[in-house]
């Protein structure tokens, strides 16, 4: 989390439950080591803790495929962020 997002009073767009569900189904269908449920929960902000890079990369790839717009879910929505980040 960047310093611009650490303002609980500022609303964030986040990842919709529908998009997260599609991404989880896509990720589960891919070959290889699956992302543990706890890593998904941490990534989606429901729990706190670290997420291994290999799991983060797999989650991001699944989200890209689920959203049909690469990295759209990475946009910084904080009103405190410099315009270069938004």
PDB file of N, CA and C in Angstrom:
ATOM      1  N   UNK A   1       0.854  -1.172   0.000  1.00  0.00           N
ATOM      2  CA  UNK A   1       0.000   0.000   0.000  1.00  0.00           C
ATOM      3  C   UNK A   1       0.895   1.227   0.000  1.00  0.00           C
ATOM      4  N   UNK A   2       0.579   2.183  -0.859  1.00  0.00           N
ATOM      5  CA  UNK A   2       1.390   3.393  -0.901  1.00  0.00           C
ATOM      6  C   UNK A   2       0.900   4.381   0.148  1.00  0.00           C
ATOM      7  N   UNK A   3       1.710   5.390   0.391  1.00  0.00           N
ATOM      8  CA  UNK A   3       1.368   6.360   1.428  1.00  0.00           C
ATOM      9  C   UNK A   3       0.103   7.140   1.088  1.00  0.00           C
ATOM     10  N   UNK A   4      -0.246   7.214  -0.189  1.00  0.00           N
ATOM     11  CA  UNK A   4      -1.429   7.970  -0.572  1.00  0.00           C
ATOM     12  C   UNK A   4      -2.720   7.218  -0.284  1.00  0.00           C
ATOM     13  N   UNK A   5      -2.627   5.912  -0.126  1.00  0.00           N
ATOM     14  CA  UNK A   5      -3.832   5.112   0.123  1.00  0.00           C
ATOM     15  C   UNK A   5      -4.096   4.889   1.605  1.00  0.00           C
ATOM     16  N   UNK A   6      -3.169   5.273   2.459  1.00  0.00           N
ATOM     17  CA  UNK A   6      -3.348   4.988   3.879  1.00  0.00           C
ATOM     18  C   UNK A   6      -4.138   6.101   4.559  1.00  0.00           C
ATOM     19  N   UNK A   7      -5.338   6.304   4.086  1.00  0.00           N
ATOM     20  CA  UNK A   7      -6.261   7.265   4.671  1.00  0.00           C
ATOM     21  C   UNK A   7      -7.616   6.589   4.726  1.00  0.00           C
ATOM     22  N   UNK A   8      -7.943   5.907   5.844  1.00  0.00           N
ATOM     23  CA  UNK A   8      -9.190   5.143   5.912  1.00  0.00           C
ATOM     24  C   UNK A   8     -10.445   5.970   5.616  1.00  0.00           C
ATOM     25  N   UNK A   9     -10.383   7.271   5.856  1.00  0.00           N
ATOM     26  CA  UNK A   9     -11.564   8.100   5.620  1.00  0.00           C
ATOM     27  C   UNK A   9     -11.776   8.400   4.140  1.00  0.00           C
ATOM     28  N   UNK A  10     -10.798   8.102   3.297  1.00  0.00           N
ATOM     29  CA  UNK A  10     -10.915   8.342   1.869  1.00  0.00           C
ATOM     30  C   UNK A  10     -11.418   7.072   1.185  1.00  0.00           C
ATOM     31  N   UNK A  11     -12.536   7.143   0.483  1.00  0.00           N
ATOM     32  CA  UNK A  11     -13.056   5.943  -0.193  1.00  0.00           C
ATOM     33  C   UNK A  11     -12.140   5.497  -1.332  1.00  0.00           C
ATOM     34  N   UNK A  12     -12.024   4.209  -1.501  1.00  0.00           N
ATOM     35  CA  UNK A  12     -11.248   3.609  -2.580  1.00  0.00           C
ATOM     36  C   UNK A  12     -12.193   2.787  -3.445  1.00  0.00           C
ATOM     37  N   UNK A  13     -11.921   2.740  -4.732  1.00  0.00           N
ATOM     38  CA  UNK A  13     -12.782   1.981  -5.637  1.00  0.00           C
ATOM     39  C   UNK A  13     -12.674   0.486  -5.352  1.00  0.00           C
ATOM     40  N   UNK A  14     -11.482  -0.012  -5.174  1.00  0.00           N
ATOM     41  CA  UNK A  14     -11.287  -1.419  -4.881  1.00  0.00           C
ATOM     42  C   UNK A  14     -11.650  -2.338  -6.040  1.00  0.00           C
ATOM     43  N   UNK A  15     -11.746  -3.600  -5.748  1.00  0.00           N
ATOM     44  CA  UNK A  15     -12.081  -4.628  -6.735  1.00  0.00           C
ATOM     45  C   UNK A  15     -13.467  -5.154  -6.365  1.00  0.00           C
ATOM     46  N   UNK A  16     -14.377  -5.120  -7.310  1.00  0.00           N
ATOM     47  CA  UNK A  16     -15.747  -5.545  -7.023  1.00  0.00           C
ATOM     48  C   UNK A  16     -15.779  -7.038  -6.712  1.00  0.00           C
ATOM     49  N   UNK A  17     -16.752  -7.468  -5.910  1.00  0.00           N
ATOM     50  CA  UNK A  17     -16.894  -8.896  -5.630  1.00  0.00           C
ATOM     51  C   UNK A  17     -17.091  -9.720  -6.904  1.00  0.00           C
ATOM     52  N   UNK A  18     -17.807  -9.168  -7.877  1.00  0.00           N
ATOM     53  CA  UNK A  18     -18.026  -9.902  -9.135  1.00  0.00           C
ATOM     54  C   UNK A  18     -16.715 -10.098  -9.887  1.00  0.00           C
ATOM     55  N   UNK A  19     -15.886  -9.043  -9.965  1.00  0.00           N
ATOM     56  CA  UNK A  19     -14.594  -9.149 -10.636  1.00  0.00           C
ATOM     57  C   UNK A  19     -13.683 -10.107  -9.884  1.00  0.00           C
ATOM     58  N   UNK A  20     -13.673 -10.028  -8.563  1.00  0.00           N
ATOM     59  CA  UNK A  20     -12.843 -10.936  -7.760  1.00  0.00           C
ATOM     60  C   UNK A  20     -13.277 -12.381  -7.978  1.00  0.00           C
ATOM     61  N   UNK A  21     -14.577 -12.623  -8.031  1.00  0.00           N
ATOM     62  CA  UNK A  21     -15.077 -13.981  -8.258  1.00  0.00           C
ATOM     63  C   UNK A  21     -14.665 -14.530  -9.617  1.00  0.00           C
ATOM     64  N   UNK A  22     -14.797 -13.690 -10.658  1.00  0.00           N
ATOM     65  CA  UNK A  22     -14.363 -14.121 -11.999  1.00  0.00           C
ATOM     66  C   UNK A  22     -12.871 -14.417 -12.010  1.00  0.00           C
ATOM     67  N   UNK A  23     -12.084 -13.544 -11.388  1.00  0.00           N
ATOM     68  CA  UNK A  23     -10.627 -13.730 -11.359  1.00  0.00           C
ATOM     69  C   UNK A  23     -10.254 -15.002 -10.604  1.00  0.00           C
ATOM     70  N   UNK A  24     -10.942 -15.280  -9.513  1.00  0.00           N
ATOM     71  CA  UNK A  24     -10.636 -16.494  -8.749  1.00  0.00           C
ATOM     72  C   UNK A  24     -10.950 -17.749  -9.551  1.00  0.00           C
ATOM     73  N   UNK A  25     -12.037 -17.727 -10.305  1.00  0.00           N
ATOM     74  CA  UNK A  25     -12.374 -18.884 -11.148  1.00  0.00           C
ATOM     75  C   UNK A  25     -11.343 -19.056 -12.266  1.00  0.00           C
ATOM     76  N   UNK A  26     -10.925 -17.956 -12.857  1.00  0.00           N
ATOM     77  CA  UNK A  26      -9.906 -18.006 -13.914  1.00  0.00           C
ATOM     78  C   UNK A  26      -8.599 -18.543 -13.354  1.00  0.00           C
ATOM     79  N   UNK A  27      -8.187 -18.034 -12.216  1.00  0.00           N
ATOM     80  CA  UNK A  27      -6.924 -18.477 -11.604  1.00  0.00           C
ATOM     81  C   UNK A  27      -6.985 -19.957 -11.246  1.00  0.00           C
ATOM     82  N   UNK A  28      -8.105 -20.417 -10.725  1.00  0.00           N
ATOM     83  CA  UNK A  28      -8.239 -21.817 -10.319  1.00  0.00           C
ATOM     84  C   UNK A  28      -8.159 -22.765 -11.514  1.00  0.00           C
ATOM     85  N   UNK A  29      -8.549 -22.277 -12.683  1.00  0.00           N
ATOM     86  CA  UNK A  29      -8.520 -23.115 -13.888  1.00  0.00           C
ATOM     87  C   UNK A  29      -7.141 -23.167 -14.548  1.00  0.00           C
ATOM     88  N   UNK A  30      -6.236 -22.300 -14.134  1.00  0.00           N
ATOM     89  CA  UNK A  30      -4.897 -22.274 -14.719  1.00  0.00           C
ATOM     90  C   UNK A  30      -4.052 -23.410 -14.152  1.00  0.00           C
ATOM     91  N   UNK A  31      -3.133 -23.941 -14.963  1.00  0.00           N
ATOM     92  CA  UNK A  31      -2.231 -24.975 -14.448  1.00  0.00           C
ATOM     93  C   UNK A  31      -1.205 -24.369 -13.494  1.00  0.00           C
ATOM     94  N   UNK A  32      -0.625 -25.204 -12.680  1.00  0.00           N
ATOM     95  CA  UNK A  32       0.410 -24.751 -11.754  1.00  0.00           C
ATOM     96  C   UNK A  32      -0.117 -24.580 -10.348  1.00  0.00           C
ATOM     97  N   UNK A  33       0.741 -24.035  -9.495  1.00  0.00           N
ATOM     98  CA  UNK A  33       0.396 -23.833  -8.084  1.00  0.00           C
ATOM     99  C   UNK A  33      -0.696 -22.779  -7.962  1.00  0.00           C
ATOM    100  N   UNK A  34      -1.780 -23.133  -7.283  1.00  0.00           N
ATOM    101  CA  UNK A  34      -2.891 -22.215  -7.109  1.00  0.00           C
ATOM    102  C   UNK A  34      -2.628 -21.255  -5.951  1.00  0.00           C
ATOM    103  N   UNK A  35      -3.224 -20.086  -6.037  1.00  0.00           N
ATOM    104  CA  UNK A  35      -3.099 -19.080  -4.986  1.00  0.00           C
ATOM    105  C   UNK A  35      -3.934 -19.529  -3.791  1.00  0.00           C
ATOM    106  N   UNK A  36      -3.349 -19.570  -2.603  1.00  0.00           N
ATOM    107  CA  UNK A  36      -4.114 -19.956  -1.415  1.00  0.00           C
ATOM    108  C   UNK A  36      -5.235 -18.946  -1.126  1.00  0.00           C
ATOM    109  N   UNK A  37      -6.328 -19.425  -0.535  1.00  0.00           N
ATOM    110  CA  UNK A  37      -7.450 -18.549  -0.204  1.00  0.00           C
ATOM    111  C   UNK A  37      -7.008 -17.366   0.648  1.00  0.00           C
ATOM    112  N   UNK A  38      -6.114 -17.608   1.599  1.00  0.00           N
ATOM    113  CA  UNK A  38      -5.659 -16.519   2.470  1.00  0.00           C
ATOM    114  C   UNK A  38      -4.946 -15.431   1.677  1.00  0.00           C
ATOM    115  N   UNK A  39      -4.184 -15.801   0.660  1.00  0.00           N
ATOM    116  CA  UNK A  39      -3.513 -14.802  -0.171  1.00  0.00           C
ATOM    117  C   UNK A  39      -4.532 -13.945  -0.922  1.00  0.00           C
ATOM    118  N   UNK A  40      -5.597 -14.568  -1.417  1.00  0.00           N
ATOM    119  CA  UNK A  40      -6.661 -13.796  -2.064  1.00  0.00           C
ATOM    120  C   UNK A  40      -7.286 -12.822  -1.076  1.00  0.00           C
ATOM    121  N   UNK A  41      -7.574 -13.292   0.123  1.00  0.00           N
ATOM    122  CA  UNK A  41      -8.201 -12.439   1.139  1.00  0.00           C
ATOM    123  C   UNK A  41      -7.315 -11.243   1.483  1.00  0.00           C
ATOM    124  N   UNK A  42      -6.015 -11.484   1.590  1.00  0.00           N
ATOM    125  CA  UNK A  42      -5.067 -10.401   1.872  1.00  0.00           C
ATOM    126  C   UNK A  42      -5.031  -9.432   0.699  1.00  0.00           C
ATOM    127  N   UNK A  43      -4.907  -9.941  -0.504  1.00  0.00           N
ATOM    128  CA  UNK A  43      -4.843  -9.098  -1.699  1.00  0.00           C
ATOM    129  C   UNK A  43      -6.094  -8.235  -1.829  1.00  0.00           C
ATOM    130  N   UNK A  44      -7.251  -8.798  -1.516  1.00  0.00           N
ATOM    131  CA  UNK A  44      -8.517  -8.077  -1.642  1.00  0.00           C
ATOM    132  C   UNK A  44      -8.802  -7.168  -0.451  1.00  0.00           C
ATOM    133  N   UNK A  45      -7.890  -7.138   0.524  1.00  0.00           N
ATOM    134  CA  UNK A  45      -8.027  -6.225   1.646  1.00  0.00           C
ATOM    135  C   UNK A  45      -8.917  -6.708   2.772  1.00  0.00           C
ATOM    136  N   UNK A  46      -9.271  -7.986   2.778  1.00  0.00           N
ATOM    137  CA  UNK A  46     -10.135  -8.533   3.831  1.00  0.00           C
ATOM    138  C   UNK A  46      -9.329  -9.007   5.023  1.00  0.00           C
ATOM    139  N   UNK A  47      -8.042  -9.267   4.809  1.00  0.00           N
ATOM    140  CA  UNK A  47      -7.115  -9.650   5.865  1.00  0.00           C
ATOM    141  C   UNK A  47      -5.839  -8.856   5.642  1.00  0.00           C
ATOM    142  N   UNK A  48      -4.945  -8.907   6.596  1.00  0.00           N
ATOM    143  CA  UNK A  48      -3.666  -8.233   6.406  1.00  0.00           C
ATOM    144  C   UNK A  48      -2.544  -9.257   6.478  1.00  0.00           C
ATOM    145  N   UNK A  49      -1.447  -8.915   5.836  1.00  0.00           N
ATOM    146  CA  UNK A  49      -0.302  -9.796   5.827  1.00  0.00           C
ATOM    147  C   UNK A  49       0.385  -9.751   4.476  1.00  0.00           C
ATOM    148  N   UNK A  50       1.456 -10.501   4.348  1.00  0.00           N
ATOM    149  CA  UNK A  50       2.202 -10.511   3.087  1.00  0.00           C
ATOM    150  C   UNK A  50       1.597 -11.504   2.086  1.00  0.00           C
ATOM    151  N   UNK A  51       1.802 -11.205   0.802  1.00  0.00           N
ATOM    152  CA  UNK A  51       1.418 -12.116  -0.278  1.00  0.00           C
ATOM    153  C   UNK A  51       2.676 -12.361  -1.097  1.00  0.00           C
ATOM    154  N   UNK A  52       3.010 -13.619  -1.295  1.00  0.00           N
ATOM    155  CA  UNK A  52       4.202 -13.968  -2.070  1.00  0.00           C
ATOM    156  C   UNK A  52       4.087 -13.396  -3.479  1.00  0.00           C
ATOM    157  N   UNK A  53       5.231 -12.987  -4.034  1.00  0.00           N
ATOM    158  CA  UNK A  53       5.216 -12.385  -5.365  1.00  0.00           C
ATOM    159  C   UNK A  53       4.620 -13.327  -6.406  1.00  0.00           C
ATOM    160  N   UNK A  54       4.919 -14.621  -6.339  1.00  0.00           N
ATOM    161  CA  UNK A  54       4.386 -15.554  -7.334  1.00  0.00           C
ATOM    162  C   UNK A  54       2.862 -15.597  -7.272  1.00  0.00           C
ATOM    163  N   UNK A  55       2.302 -15.431  -6.080  1.00  0.00           N
ATOM    164  CA  UNK A  55       0.845 -15.403  -5.943  1.00  0.00           C
ATOM    165  C   UNK A  55       0.286 -14.067  -6.423  1.00  0.00           C
ATOM    166  N   UNK A  56       0.984 -12.976  -6.110  1.00  0.00           N
ATOM    167  CA  UNK A  56       0.551 -11.654  -6.564  1.00  0.00           C
ATOM    168  C   UNK A  56       0.516 -11.606  -8.087  1.00  0.00           C
ATOM    169  N   UNK A  57       1.568 -12.115  -8.723  1.00  0.00           N
ATOM    170  CA  UNK A  57       1.626 -12.114 -10.190  1.00  0.00           C
ATOM    171  C   UNK A  57       0.487 -12.932 -10.780  1.00  0.00           C
ATOM    172  N   UNK A  58       0.178 -14.044 -10.166  1.00  0.00           N
ATOM    173  CA  UNK A  58      -0.899 -14.912 -10.662  1.00  0.00           C
ATOM    174  C   UNK A  58      -2.265 -14.243 -10.464  1.00  0.00           C
ATOM    175  N   UNK A  59      -2.449 -13.577  -9.339  1.00  0.00           N
ATOM    176  CA  UNK A  59      -3.695 -12.845  -9.075  1.00  0.00           C
ATOM    177  C   UNK A  59      -3.858 -11.715 -10.091  1.00  0.00           C
ATOM    178  N   UNK A  60      -2.797 -10.956 -10.321  1.00  0.00           N
ATOM    179  CA  UNK A  60      -2.874  -9.834 -11.261  1.00  0.00           C
ATOM    180  C   UNK A  60      -3.201 -10.309 -12.675  1.00  0.00           C
ATOM    181  N   UNK A  61      -2.590 -11.417 -13.084  1.00  0.00           N
ATOM    182  CA  UNK A  61      -2.877 -11.964 -14.415  1.00  0.00           C
ATOM    183  C   UNK A  61      -4.345 -12.381 -14.512  1.00  0.00           C
ATOM    184  N   UNK A  62      -4.869 -13.002 -13.467  1.00  0.00           N
ATOM    185  CA  UNK A  62      -6.272 -13.423 -13.461  1.00  0.00           C
ATOM    186  C   UNK A  62      -7.208 -12.215 -13.468  1.00  0.00           C
ATOM    187  N   UNK A  63      -6.855 -11.171 -12.720  1.00  0.00           N
ATOM    188  CA  UNK A  63      -7.672  -9.962 -12.713  1.00  0.00           C
ATOM    189  C   UNK A  63      -7.660  -9.282 -14.075  1.00  0.00           C
ATOM    190  N   UNK A  64      -6.507  -9.248 -14.715  1.00  0.00           N
ATOM    191  CA  UNK A  64      -6.429  -8.671 -16.066  1.00  0.00           C
ATOM    192  C   UNK A  64      -7.355  -9.410 -17.015  1.00  0.00           C
ATOM    193  N   UNK A  65      -7.294 -10.726 -16.972  1.00  0.00           N
ATOM    194  CA  UNK A  65      -8.145 -11.526 -17.860  1.00  0.00           C
ATOM    195  C   UNK A  65      -9.623 -11.338 -17.520  1.00  0.00           C
ATOM    196  N   UNK A  66      -9.937 -11.289 -16.235  1.00  0.00           N
ATOM    197  CA  UNK A  66     -11.333 -11.154 -15.807  1.00  0.00           C
ATOM    198  C   UNK A  66     -11.908  -9.785 -16.164  1.00  0.00           C
ATOM    199  N   UNK A  67     -11.076  -8.765 -16.142  1.00  0.00           N
ATOM    200  CA  UNK A  67     -11.569  -7.407 -16.402  1.00  0.00           C
ATOM    201  C   UNK A  67     -11.505  -7.020 -17.869  1.00  0.00           C
ATOM    202  N   UNK A  68     -10.799  -7.809 -18.668  1.00  0.00           N
ATOM    203  CA  UNK A  68     -10.617  -7.501 -20.087  1.00  0.00           C
ATOM    204  C   UNK A  68      -9.981  -6.138 -20.315  1.00  0.00           C
ATOM    205  N   UNK A  69      -9.270  -5.644 -19.308  1.00  0.00           N
ATOM    206  CA  UNK A  69      -8.555  -4.379 -19.461  1.00  0.00           C
ATOM    207  C   UNK A  69      -7.307  -4.436 -18.578  1.00  0.00           C
ATOM    208  N   UNK A  70      -6.168  -4.763 -19.161  1.00  0.00           N
ATOM    209  CA  UNK A  70      -4.939  -4.958 -18.381  1.00  0.00           C
ATOM    210  C   UNK A  70      -4.655  -3.846 -17.388  1.00  0.00           C
ATOM    211  N   UNK A  71      -4.436  -4.267 -16.173  1.00  0.00           N
ATOM    212  CA  UNK A  71      -4.046  -3.398 -15.060  1.00  0.00           C
ATOM    213  C   UNK A  71      -5.050  -2.298 -14.721  1.00  0.00           C
ATOM    214  N   UNK A  72      -6.286  -2.403 -15.179  1.00  0.00           N
ATOM    215  CA  UNK A  72      -7.288  -1.393 -14.840  1.00  0.00           C
ATOM    216  C   UNK A  72      -7.516  -1.341 -13.335  1.00  0.00           C
ATOM    217  N   UNK A  73      -7.374  -2.477 -12.669  1.00  0.00           N
ATOM    218  CA  UNK A  73      -7.610  -2.549 -11.232  1.00  0.00           C
ATOM    219  C   UNK A  73      -6.460  -1.963 -10.419  1.00  0.00           C
ATOM    220  N   UNK A  74      -5.375  -1.539 -11.077  1.00  0.00           N
ATOM    221  CA  UNK A  74      -4.235  -0.984 -10.356  1.00  0.00           C
ATOM    222  C   UNK A  74      -4.273   0.532 -10.280  1.00  0.00           C
ATOM    223  N   UNK A  75      -5.289   1.160 -10.844  1.00  0.00           N
ATOM    224  CA  UNK A  75      -5.361   2.615 -10.834  1.00  0.00           C
ATOM    225  C   UNK A  75      -5.480   3.117  -9.397  1.00  0.00           C
ATOM    226  N   UNK A  76      -4.717   4.136  -9.078  1.00  0.00           N
ATOM    227  CA  UNK A  76      -4.768   4.724  -7.740  1.00  0.00           C
ATOM    228  C   UNK A  76      -5.989   5.639  -7.658  1.00  0.00           C
ATOM    229  N   UNK A  77      -6.899   5.366  -6.733  1.00  0.00           N
ATOM    230  CA  UNK A  77      -8.124   6.149  -6.597  1.00  0.00           C
ATOM    231  C   UNK A  77      -8.090   7.119  -5.428  1.00  0.00           C
ATOM    232  N   UNK A  78      -6.971   7.230  -4.773  1.00  0.00           N
ATOM    233  CA  UNK A  78      -6.892   8.116  -3.613  1.00  0.00           C
ATOM    234  C   UNK A  78      -6.944   9.563  -4.071  1.00  0.00           C
ATOM    235  N   UNK A  79      -7.747  10.355  -3.391  1.00  0.00           N
ATOM    236  CA  UNK A  79      -7.813  11.782  -3.704  1.00  0.00           C
ATOM    237  C   UNK A  79      -6.547  12.491  -3.258  1.00  0.00           C
ATOM    238  N   UNK A  80      -5.728  11.827  -2.460  1.00  0.00           N
ATOM    239  CA  UNK A  80      -4.487  12.412  -1.964  1.00  0.00           C
ATOM    240  C   UNK A  80      -3.304  12.175  -2.881  1.00  0.00           C
ATOM    241  N   UNK A  81      -3.462  11.309  -3.875  1.00  0.00           N
ATOM    242  CA  UNK A  81      -2.347  10.948  -4.755  1.00  0.00           C
ATOM    243  C   UNK A  81      -2.037  12.076  -5.727  1.00  0.00           C
ATOM    244  N   UNK A  82      -0.755  12.249  -6.040  1.00  0.00           N
ATOM    245  CA  UNK A  82      -0.411  13.218  -7.090  1.00  0.00           C
ATOM    246  C   UNK A  82      -1.047  12.794  -8.404  1.00  0.00           C
ATOM    247  N   UNK A  83      -1.363  13.732  -9.269  1.00  0.00           N
ATOM    248  CA  UNK A  83      -2.060  13.424 -10.511  1.00  0.00           C
ATOM    249  C   UNK A  83      -1.291  12.465 -11.394  1.00  0.00           C
ATOM    250  N   UNK A  84       0.022  12.364 -11.219  1.00  0.00           N
ATOM    251  CA  UNK A  84       0.820  11.434 -12.032  1.00  0.00           C
ATOM    252  C   UNK A  84       0.480   9.983 -11.723  1.00  0.00           C
ATOM    253  N   UNK A  85      -0.074   9.710 -10.551  1.00  0.00           N
ATOM    254  CA  UNK A  85      -0.411   8.342 -10.170  1.00  0.00           C
ATOM    255  C   UNK A  85      -1.822   7.964 -10.578  1.00  0.00           C
ATOM    256  N   UNK A  86      -2.652   8.911 -10.852  1.00  0.00           N
ATOM    257  CA  UNK A  86      -4.071   8.646 -11.110  1.00  0.00           C
ATOM    258  C   UNK A  86      -4.300   8.402 -12.582  1.00  0.00           C
TER     259      UNK A  86
END
